[in-house]
Amino acid sequence: MAKDIKQLKVSAIRNGTVIDHIPANNLFKVINILGLDHIDNQITFGTNLESKRLGSKGIVKISDKYFVDEEINRIALAAPEAKLNIIREYHVEEKKEVIVPDQFSGIVKCVNPKCITNSEDVKPKFRVISKKEVSLKCHYCEKITDQEHMVFI
């Protein structure tokens, strides 16, 4: 009689955050926009992992790191279906869904080269017009930016 054997594909962390349900094609975008390539914490990531909901997904585990709201907003813009698991002593203490904000400033650059935010010292400001396939409208020039063309600052 064969037994079902479950095997961890990514090792557990003692304390920190797991970002799960990242679309596989956005994994490296999430790593980049959070600046995870510039921190000394232990980081484990996996891509093209099996997911019932997404088909394939990415996952990032960061030891001893807990994200603040602005970082969570960055995750939401790149991976709106991502989930955060807060880990303490190897147990999930809290689960958070990322929520795309209604409006925000200073995270994404306006794609319009003639926008005032690209020529003067004005912080980009956007209103979210679609949360599923994230689309943004610039507060100043009203140019629409879709998720594929977002440039994070």
N, C-alpha and C. Protein backbone atom coordinates (compact mmCIF):
# COMPACT_ATOMS: atom_id res chain seq x y z
N MET A 1 0.84 -1.18 0.00
CA MET A 1 0.00 0.00 0.00
C MET A 1 0.90 1.25 0.00
N ALA A 2 0.71 2.12 -0.95
CA ALA A 2 1.53 3.33 -1.07
C ALA A 2 0.98 4.41 -0.16
N LYS A 3 1.89 5.10 0.50
CA LYS A 3 1.49 6.21 1.36
C LYS A 3 1.68 7.52 0.61
N ASP A 4 0.78 8.47 0.88
CA ASP A 4 0.99 9.81 0.34
C ASP A 4 2.09 10.47 1.15
N ILE A 5 3.12 10.87 0.49
CA ILE A 5 4.22 11.53 1.17
C ILE A 5 4.23 12.98 0.71
N LYS A 6 4.12 13.87 1.68
CA LYS A 6 4.21 15.29 1.36
C LYS A 6 5.63 15.73 1.64
N GLN A 7 6.16 16.51 0.75
CA GLN A 7 7.52 16.97 0.89
C GLN A 7 7.52 18.49 0.76
N LEU A 8 8.23 19.15 1.67
CA LEU A 8 8.37 20.59 1.57
C LEU A 8 9.27 20.91 0.39
N LYS A 9 8.81 21.80 -0.47
CA LYS A 9 9.64 22.20 -1.59
C LYS A 9 10.51 23.39 -1.22
N VAL A 10 10.07 24.16 -0.20
CA VAL A 10 10.83 25.31 0.28
C VAL A 10 10.89 25.19 1.80
N SER A 11 12.08 25.28 2.37
CA SER A 11 12.24 25.05 3.80
C SER A 11 11.52 26.10 4.66
N ALA A 12 11.19 25.69 5.88
CA ALA A 12 10.48 26.56 6.82
C ALA A 12 11.43 27.63 7.37
N ILE A 13 10.84 28.74 7.81
CA ILE A 13 11.63 29.78 8.48
C ILE A 13 11.14 29.90 9.92
N ARG A 14 12.03 30.32 10.80
CA ARG A 14 11.68 30.44 12.22
C ARG A 14 10.83 31.68 12.47
N ASN A 15 11.30 32.82 11.99
CA ASN A 15 10.60 34.10 12.15
C ASN A 15 10.74 34.88 10.85
N GLY A 16 9.69 35.57 10.47
CA GLY A 16 9.75 36.38 9.26
C GLY A 16 8.44 36.37 8.52
N THR A 17 8.52 36.60 7.23
CA THR A 17 7.32 36.72 6.39
C THR A 17 7.44 35.82 5.17
N VAL A 18 6.34 35.19 4.84
CA VAL A 18 6.24 34.41 3.60
C VAL A 18 5.26 35.16 2.71
N ILE A 19 5.70 35.46 1.49
CA ILE A 19 4.81 36.06 0.49
C ILE A 19 4.44 34.92 -0.45
N ASP A 20 3.18 34.53 -0.43
CA ASP A 20 2.72 33.38 -1.20
C ASP A 20 1.73 33.84 -2.27
N HIS A 21 1.47 32.99 -3.22
CA HIS A 21 0.52 33.25 -4.30
C HIS A 21 0.92 34.44 -5.17
N ILE A 22 2.21 34.54 -5.45
CA ILE A 22 2.71 35.54 -6.39
C ILE A 22 2.62 34.91 -7.78
N PRO A 23 2.01 35.57 -8.76
CA PRO A 23 2.05 34.99 -10.10
C PRO A 23 3.52 34.72 -10.47
N ALA A 24 3.79 33.52 -10.99
CA ALA A 24 5.18 33.11 -11.27
C ALA A 24 5.92 34.14 -12.13
N ASN A 25 5.23 34.74 -13.08
CA ASN A 25 5.91 35.71 -13.96
C ASN A 25 6.19 37.05 -13.27
N ASN A 26 5.66 37.26 -12.06
CA ASN A 26 5.92 38.50 -11.32
C ASN A 26 6.85 38.31 -10.12
N LEU A 27 7.34 37.10 -9.90
CA LEU A 27 8.18 36.83 -8.73
C LEU A 27 9.38 37.76 -8.66
N PHE A 28 10.14 37.87 -9.72
CA PHE A 28 11.35 38.68 -9.67
C PHE A 28 11.03 40.17 -9.62
N LYS A 29 9.87 40.56 -10.12
CA LYS A 29 9.43 41.95 -9.99
C LYS A 29 9.19 42.26 -8.51
N VAL A 30 8.53 41.36 -7.79
CA VAL A 30 8.27 41.56 -6.36
C VAL A 30 9.60 41.64 -5.59
N ILE A 31 10.52 40.74 -5.89
CA ILE A 31 11.84 40.75 -5.23
C ILE A 31 12.54 42.08 -5.48
N ASN A 32 12.48 42.56 -6.72
CA ASN A 32 13.14 43.81 -7.09
C ASN A 32 12.49 45.03 -6.43
N ILE A 33 11.17 45.14 -6.49
CA ILE A 33 10.51 46.35 -5.96
C ILE A 33 10.59 46.44 -4.44
N LEU A 34 10.81 45.31 -3.78
CA LEU A 34 10.99 45.33 -2.32
C LEU A 34 12.45 45.51 -1.93
N GLY A 35 13.34 45.52 -2.92
CA GLY A 35 14.77 45.69 -2.64
C GLY A 35 15.36 44.51 -1.89
N LEU A 36 14.79 43.32 -2.07
CA LEU A 36 15.26 42.15 -1.33
C LEU A 36 16.66 41.72 -1.75
N ASP A 37 17.10 42.18 -2.91
CA ASP A 37 18.45 41.86 -3.35
C ASP A 37 19.51 42.71 -2.64
N HIS A 38 19.07 43.63 -1.78
CA HIS A 38 20.00 44.52 -1.07
C HIS A 38 19.95 44.35 0.45
N ILE A 39 19.32 43.28 0.94
CA ILE A 39 19.28 43.09 2.39
C ILE A 39 20.06 41.82 2.75
N ASP A 40 20.48 41.76 4.00
CA ASP A 40 21.32 40.63 4.45
C ASP A 40 20.52 39.48 5.03
N ASN A 41 19.20 39.62 5.14
CA ASN A 41 18.37 38.54 5.69
C ASN A 41 18.43 37.31 4.79
N GLN A 42 18.22 36.15 5.41
CA GLN A 42 18.12 34.93 4.61
C GLN A 42 16.83 34.98 3.80
N ILE A 43 16.95 34.73 2.51
CA ILE A 43 15.79 34.77 1.61
C ILE A 43 15.77 33.49 0.81
N THR A 44 14.60 32.86 0.77
CA THR A 44 14.40 31.67 -0.05
C THR A 44 13.24 31.98 -0.98
N PHE A 45 13.42 31.66 -2.26
CA PHE A 45 12.30 31.86 -3.17
C PHE A 45 12.17 30.66 -4.09
N GLY A 46 10.96 30.48 -4.56
CA GLY A 46 10.69 29.42 -5.51
C GLY A 46 9.76 29.95 -6.58
N THR A 47 9.90 29.44 -7.77
CA THR A 47 9.04 29.88 -8.85
C THR A 47 8.54 28.67 -9.63
N ASN A 48 7.45 28.88 -10.34
CA ASN A 48 6.79 27.83 -11.11
C ASN A 48 6.39 26.65 -10.24
N LEU A 49 5.97 26.96 -9.00
CA LEU A 49 5.45 25.95 -8.10
C LEU A 49 3.98 25.71 -8.42
N GLU A 50 3.52 24.52 -8.19
CA GLU A 50 2.13 24.16 -8.51
C GLU A 50 1.15 24.96 -7.64
N SER A 51 0.11 25.48 -8.27
CA SER A 51 -0.92 26.23 -7.56
C SER A 51 -2.27 25.92 -8.16
N LYS A 52 -3.22 25.52 -7.32
CA LYS A 52 -4.57 25.23 -7.82
C LYS A 52 -5.23 26.49 -8.34
N ARG A 53 -4.97 27.62 -7.67
CA ARG A 53 -5.62 28.87 -8.03
C ARG A 53 -4.96 29.59 -9.21
N LEU A 54 -3.62 29.58 -9.24
CA LEU A 54 -2.90 30.35 -10.26
C LEU A 54 -2.32 29.50 -11.38
N GLY A 55 -2.34 28.19 -11.24
CA GLY A 55 -1.66 27.32 -12.20
C GLY A 55 -0.22 27.13 -11.76
N SER A 56 0.57 28.20 -11.83
CA SER A 56 1.91 28.17 -11.25
C SER A 56 2.11 29.47 -10.48
N LYS A 57 2.88 29.37 -9.42
CA LYS A 57 3.05 30.53 -8.54
C LYS A 57 4.50 30.66 -8.10
N GLY A 58 4.76 31.79 -7.50
CA GLY A 58 6.04 32.05 -6.87
C GLY A 58 5.82 32.24 -5.39
N ILE A 59 6.88 32.05 -4.62
CA ILE A 59 6.82 32.23 -3.17
C ILE A 59 8.16 32.81 -2.71
N VAL A 60 8.11 33.68 -1.71
CA VAL A 60 9.32 34.26 -1.14
C VAL A 60 9.23 34.14 0.37
N LYS A 61 10.30 33.64 1.00
CA LYS A 61 10.38 33.56 2.46
C LYS A 61 11.55 34.41 2.90
N ILE A 62 11.27 35.38 3.80
CA ILE A 62 12.30 36.29 4.27
C ILE A 62 12.40 36.17 5.78
N SER A 63 13.55 35.74 6.26
CA SER A 63 13.76 35.59 7.70
C SER A 63 13.88 36.96 8.37
N ASP A 64 13.26 37.07 9.53
CA ASP A 64 13.39 38.25 10.40
C ASP A 64 13.01 39.55 9.70
N LYS A 65 12.02 39.51 8.82
CA LYS A 65 11.56 40.70 8.12
C LYS A 65 10.04 40.74 8.15
N TYR A 66 9.51 41.88 8.57
CA TYR A 66 8.07 42.11 8.58
C TYR A 66 7.83 43.41 7.81
N PHE A 67 6.87 43.40 6.94
CA PHE A 67 6.68 44.52 6.02
C PHE A 67 5.76 45.60 6.58
N VAL A 68 6.09 46.86 6.25
CA VAL A 68 5.26 48.01 6.61
C VAL A 68 4.26 48.25 5.48
N ASP A 69 3.28 49.12 5.73
CA ASP A 69 2.18 49.34 4.77
C ASP A 69 2.65 49.72 3.38
N GLU A 70 3.65 50.61 3.25
CA GLU A 70 4.10 51.02 1.92
C GLU A 70 4.67 49.83 1.15
N GLU A 71 5.38 48.95 1.84
CA GLU A 71 5.93 47.76 1.19
C GLU A 71 4.80 46.81 0.77
N ILE A 72 3.79 46.69 1.61
CA ILE A 72 2.64 45.84 1.28
C ILE A 72 1.90 46.41 0.07
N ASN A 73 1.80 47.74 -0.03
CA ASN A 73 1.19 48.37 -1.20
C ASN A 73 1.98 48.07 -2.46
N ARG A 74 3.30 48.04 -2.36
CA ARG A 74 4.15 47.69 -3.50
C ARG A 74 3.86 46.25 -3.96
N ILE A 75 3.76 45.35 -2.98
CA ILE A 75 3.44 43.96 -3.30
C ILE A 75 2.09 43.88 -4.00
N ALA A 76 1.10 44.62 -3.48
CA ALA A 76 -0.26 44.59 -4.03
C ALA A 76 -0.29 45.06 -5.48
N LEU A 77 0.51 46.05 -5.82
CA LEU A 77 0.51 46.55 -7.19
C LEU A 77 1.13 45.56 -8.16
N ALA A 78 2.13 44.80 -7.71
CA ALA A 78 2.80 43.82 -8.58
C ALA A 78 2.13 42.45 -8.53
N ALA A 79 1.52 42.11 -7.40
CA ALA A 79 0.91 40.79 -7.22
C ALA A 79 -0.35 40.92 -6.37
N PRO A 80 -1.45 41.43 -6.96
CA PRO A 80 -2.66 41.74 -6.18
C PRO A 80 -3.32 40.56 -5.49
N GLU A 81 -2.99 39.33 -5.86
CA GLU A 81 -3.59 38.17 -5.21
C GLU A 81 -2.65 37.53 -4.18
N ALA A 82 -1.53 38.17 -3.91
CA ALA A 82 -0.55 37.61 -2.97
C ALA A 82 -1.12 37.56 -1.56
N LYS A 83 -0.58 36.64 -0.78
CA LYS A 83 -0.93 36.50 0.64
C LYS A 83 0.36 36.60 1.44
N LEU A 84 0.27 37.23 2.61
CA LEU A 84 1.41 37.32 3.52
C LEU A 84 1.13 36.44 4.73
N ASN A 85 2.09 35.61 5.07
CA ASN A 85 2.01 34.81 6.28
C ASN A 85 3.11 35.29 7.22
N ILE A 86 2.70 35.75 8.40
CA ILE A 86 3.65 36.22 9.41
C ILE A 86 4.02 35.01 10.26
N ILE A 87 5.31 34.70 10.31
CA ILE A 87 5.81 33.51 10.99
C ILE A 87 6.55 33.90 12.27
N ARG A 88 6.20 33.22 13.36
CA ARG A 88 6.93 33.39 14.63
C ARG A 88 7.12 32.00 15.22
N GLU A 89 8.37 31.67 15.50
CA GLU A 89 8.73 30.34 16.04
C GLU A 89 8.15 29.21 15.19
N TYR A 90 8.35 29.30 13.89
CA TYR A 90 7.95 28.28 12.91
C TYR A 90 6.44 28.12 12.72
N HIS A 91 5.63 28.96 13.33
CA HIS A 91 4.18 28.86 13.18
C HIS A 91 3.62 30.11 12.52
N VAL A 92 2.58 29.93 11.73
CA VAL A 92 1.91 31.08 11.11
C VAL A 92 1.11 31.77 12.21
N GLU A 93 1.55 32.98 12.54
CA GLU A 93 0.87 33.76 13.58
C GLU A 93 -0.28 34.57 13.00
N GLU A 94 -0.11 35.01 11.75
CA GLU A 94 -1.12 35.87 11.14
C GLU A 94 -1.07 35.68 9.62
N LYS A 95 -2.24 35.73 9.01
CA LYS A 95 -2.34 35.69 7.55
C LYS A 95 -2.94 37.01 7.10
N LYS A 96 -2.33 37.62 6.09
CA LYS A 96 -2.83 38.88 5.56
C LYS A 96 -2.99 38.76 4.06
N GLU A 97 -4.09 39.30 3.57
CA GLU A 97 -4.24 39.44 2.12
C GLU A 97 -3.74 40.83 1.77
N VAL A 98 -3.00 40.93 0.69
CA VAL A 98 -2.61 42.27 0.27
C VAL A 98 -3.83 42.90 -0.38
N ILE A 99 -3.99 44.18 -0.19
CA ILE A 99 -5.14 44.89 -0.73
C ILE A 99 -4.62 46.07 -1.55
N VAL A 100 -5.03 46.11 -2.79
CA VAL A 100 -4.63 47.21 -3.66
C VAL A 100 -5.29 48.48 -3.12
N PRO A 101 -4.49 49.51 -2.82
CA PRO A 101 -5.09 50.74 -2.27
C PRO A 101 -5.90 51.49 -3.33
N ASP A 102 -6.82 52.34 -2.89
CA ASP A 102 -7.63 53.14 -3.82
C ASP A 102 -6.79 54.23 -4.47
N GLN A 103 -5.84 54.75 -3.71
CA GLN A 103 -4.92 55.76 -4.22
C GLN A 103 -3.62 55.69 -3.44
N PHE A 104 -2.57 56.20 -4.02
CA PHE A 104 -1.26 56.16 -3.37
C PHE A 104 -0.35 57.15 -4.06
N SER A 105 0.79 57.41 -3.44
CA SER A 105 1.78 58.29 -4.06
C SER A 105 3.19 57.75 -3.80
N GLY A 106 4.07 58.09 -4.73
CA GLY A 106 5.49 57.80 -4.55
C GLY A 106 5.96 56.38 -4.77
N ILE A 107 5.14 55.49 -5.27
CA ILE A 107 5.57 54.10 -5.44
C ILE A 107 5.90 53.81 -6.91
N VAL A 108 5.11 54.40 -7.81
CA VAL A 108 5.22 54.13 -9.24
C VAL A 108 5.45 55.44 -9.97
N LYS A 109 6.20 55.36 -11.04
CA LYS A 109 6.47 56.52 -11.89
C LYS A 109 5.37 56.64 -12.94
N CYS A 110 5.00 57.86 -13.31
CA CYS A 110 4.03 58.07 -14.39
C CYS A 110 4.71 57.73 -15.71
N VAL A 111 4.00 57.02 -16.57
CA VAL A 111 4.58 56.60 -17.85
C VAL A 111 4.59 57.73 -18.90
N ASN A 112 3.89 58.80 -18.62
CA ASN A 112 3.85 59.93 -19.55
C ASN A 112 5.12 60.78 -19.37
N PRO A 113 6.01 60.80 -20.37
CA PRO A 113 7.25 61.57 -20.23
C PRO A 113 7.01 63.07 -20.05
N LYS A 114 5.83 63.57 -20.47
CA LYS A 114 5.53 64.99 -20.35
C LYS A 114 4.83 65.34 -19.03
N CYS A 115 4.57 64.35 -18.20
CA CYS A 115 3.92 64.59 -16.91
C CYS A 115 4.84 65.44 -16.02
N ILE A 116 4.26 66.34 -15.26
CA ILE A 116 5.02 67.21 -14.37
C ILE A 116 5.88 66.42 -13.38
N THR A 117 5.43 65.21 -13.03
CA THR A 117 6.19 64.40 -12.06
C THR A 117 7.51 63.89 -12.64
N ASN A 118 7.64 63.92 -13.96
CA ASN A 118 8.87 63.47 -14.60
C ASN A 118 9.82 64.61 -14.95
N SER A 119 9.40 65.85 -14.74
CA SER A 119 10.28 66.98 -15.08
C SER A 119 10.53 67.91 -13.90
N GLU A 120 9.71 67.82 -12.86
CA GLU A 120 9.88 68.67 -11.69
C GLU A 120 9.86 67.81 -10.43
N ASP A 121 10.18 68.41 -9.32
CA ASP A 121 10.24 67.68 -8.06
C ASP A 121 8.84 67.53 -7.46
N VAL A 122 8.00 66.75 -8.15
CA VAL A 122 6.62 66.51 -7.73
C VAL A 122 6.45 65.00 -7.58
N LYS A 123 5.98 64.59 -6.42
CA LYS A 123 5.79 63.17 -6.13
C LYS A 123 4.62 62.62 -6.94
N PRO A 124 4.83 61.52 -7.70
CA PRO A 124 3.73 60.93 -8.47
C PRO A 124 2.58 60.50 -7.56
N LYS A 125 1.37 60.71 -8.02
CA LYS A 125 0.17 60.39 -7.26
C LYS A 125 -0.82 59.73 -8.22
N PHE A 126 -1.42 58.61 -7.77
CA PHE A 126 -2.30 57.85 -8.65
C PHE A 126 -3.59 57.46 -7.95
N ARG A 127 -4.63 57.29 -8.78
CA ARG A 127 -5.89 56.70 -8.35
C ARG A 127 -5.97 55.35 -9.05
N VAL A 128 -6.33 54.32 -8.31
CA VAL A 128 -6.46 52.98 -8.88
C VAL A 128 -7.82 52.88 -9.55
N ILE A 129 -7.81 52.54 -10.84
CA ILE A 129 -9.08 52.43 -11.55
C ILE A 129 -9.50 50.98 -11.78
N SER A 130 -8.58 50.05 -11.59
CA SER A 130 -8.91 48.63 -11.63
C SER A 130 -7.99 47.88 -10.67
N LYS A 131 -8.58 47.07 -9.80
CA LYS A 131 -7.80 46.35 -8.80
C LYS A 131 -7.46 44.92 -9.22
N LYS A 132 -8.24 44.32 -10.09
CA LYS A 132 -7.99 42.93 -10.50
C LYS A 132 -6.77 42.88 -11.42
N GLU A 133 -6.87 43.49 -12.58
CA GLU A 133 -5.73 43.71 -13.47
C GLU A 133 -5.35 45.16 -13.20
N VAL A 134 -4.42 45.38 -12.31
CA VAL A 134 -4.17 46.71 -11.76
C VAL A 134 -3.92 47.75 -12.87
N SER A 135 -4.73 48.82 -12.83
CA SER A 135 -4.57 49.97 -13.72
C SER A 135 -4.64 51.23 -12.87
N LEU A 136 -3.82 52.20 -13.23
CA LEU A 136 -3.70 53.43 -12.45
C LEU A 136 -3.94 54.65 -13.33
N LYS A 137 -4.48 55.70 -12.72
CA LYS A 137 -4.67 56.97 -13.43
C LYS A 137 -3.88 58.04 -12.69
N CYS A 138 -2.99 58.70 -13.42
CA CYS A 138 -2.16 59.75 -12.82
C CYS A 138 -3.03 60.92 -12.38
N HIS A 139 -2.79 61.40 -11.17
CA HIS A 139 -3.52 62.53 -10.61
C HIS A 139 -3.27 63.81 -11.41
N TYR A 140 -2.08 63.95 -11.98
CA TYR A 140 -1.70 65.20 -12.64
C TYR A 140 -2.03 65.22 -14.13
N CYS A 141 -1.67 64.19 -14.87
CA CYS A 141 -1.86 64.22 -16.33
C CYS A 141 -2.97 63.29 -16.80
N GLU A 142 -3.51 62.48 -15.89
CA GLU A 142 -4.60 61.54 -16.16
C GLU A 142 -4.24 60.40 -17.11
N LYS A 143 -2.95 60.18 -17.34
CA LYS A 143 -2.49 59.06 -18.17
C LYS A 143 -2.76 57.76 -17.41
N ILE A 144 -3.23 56.75 -18.14
CA ILE A 144 -3.53 55.43 -17.56
C ILE A 144 -2.30 54.54 -17.71
N THR A 145 -1.94 53.85 -16.64
CA THR A 145 -0.82 52.90 -16.66
C THR A 145 -1.35 51.54 -16.25
N ASP A 146 -1.07 50.51 -17.06
CA ASP A 146 -1.47 49.16 -16.67
C ASP A 146 -0.31 48.47 -15.95
N GLN A 147 -0.62 47.32 -15.40
CA GLN A 147 0.34 46.59 -14.58
C GLN A 147 1.61 46.25 -15.34
N GLU A 148 1.48 45.94 -16.60
CA GLU A 148 2.63 45.56 -17.42
C GLU A 148 3.62 46.70 -17.61
N HIS A 149 3.14 47.95 -17.59
CA HIS A 149 4.00 49.09 -17.87
C HIS A 149 4.40 49.90 -16.64
N MET A 150 4.07 49.42 -15.45
CA MET A 150 4.45 50.14 -14.23
C MET A 150 5.95 50.13 -14.04
N VAL A 151 6.46 51.31 -13.67
CA VAL A 151 7.88 51.45 -13.33
C VAL A 151 7.92 51.88 -11.87
N PHE A 152 8.45 51.01 -11.02
CA PHE A 152 8.50 51.28 -9.59
C PHE A 152 9.70 52.15 -9.26
N ILE A 153 9.50 53.09 -8.31
CA ILE A 153 10.59 54.00 -7.90
C ILE A 153 10.99 53.73 -6.47
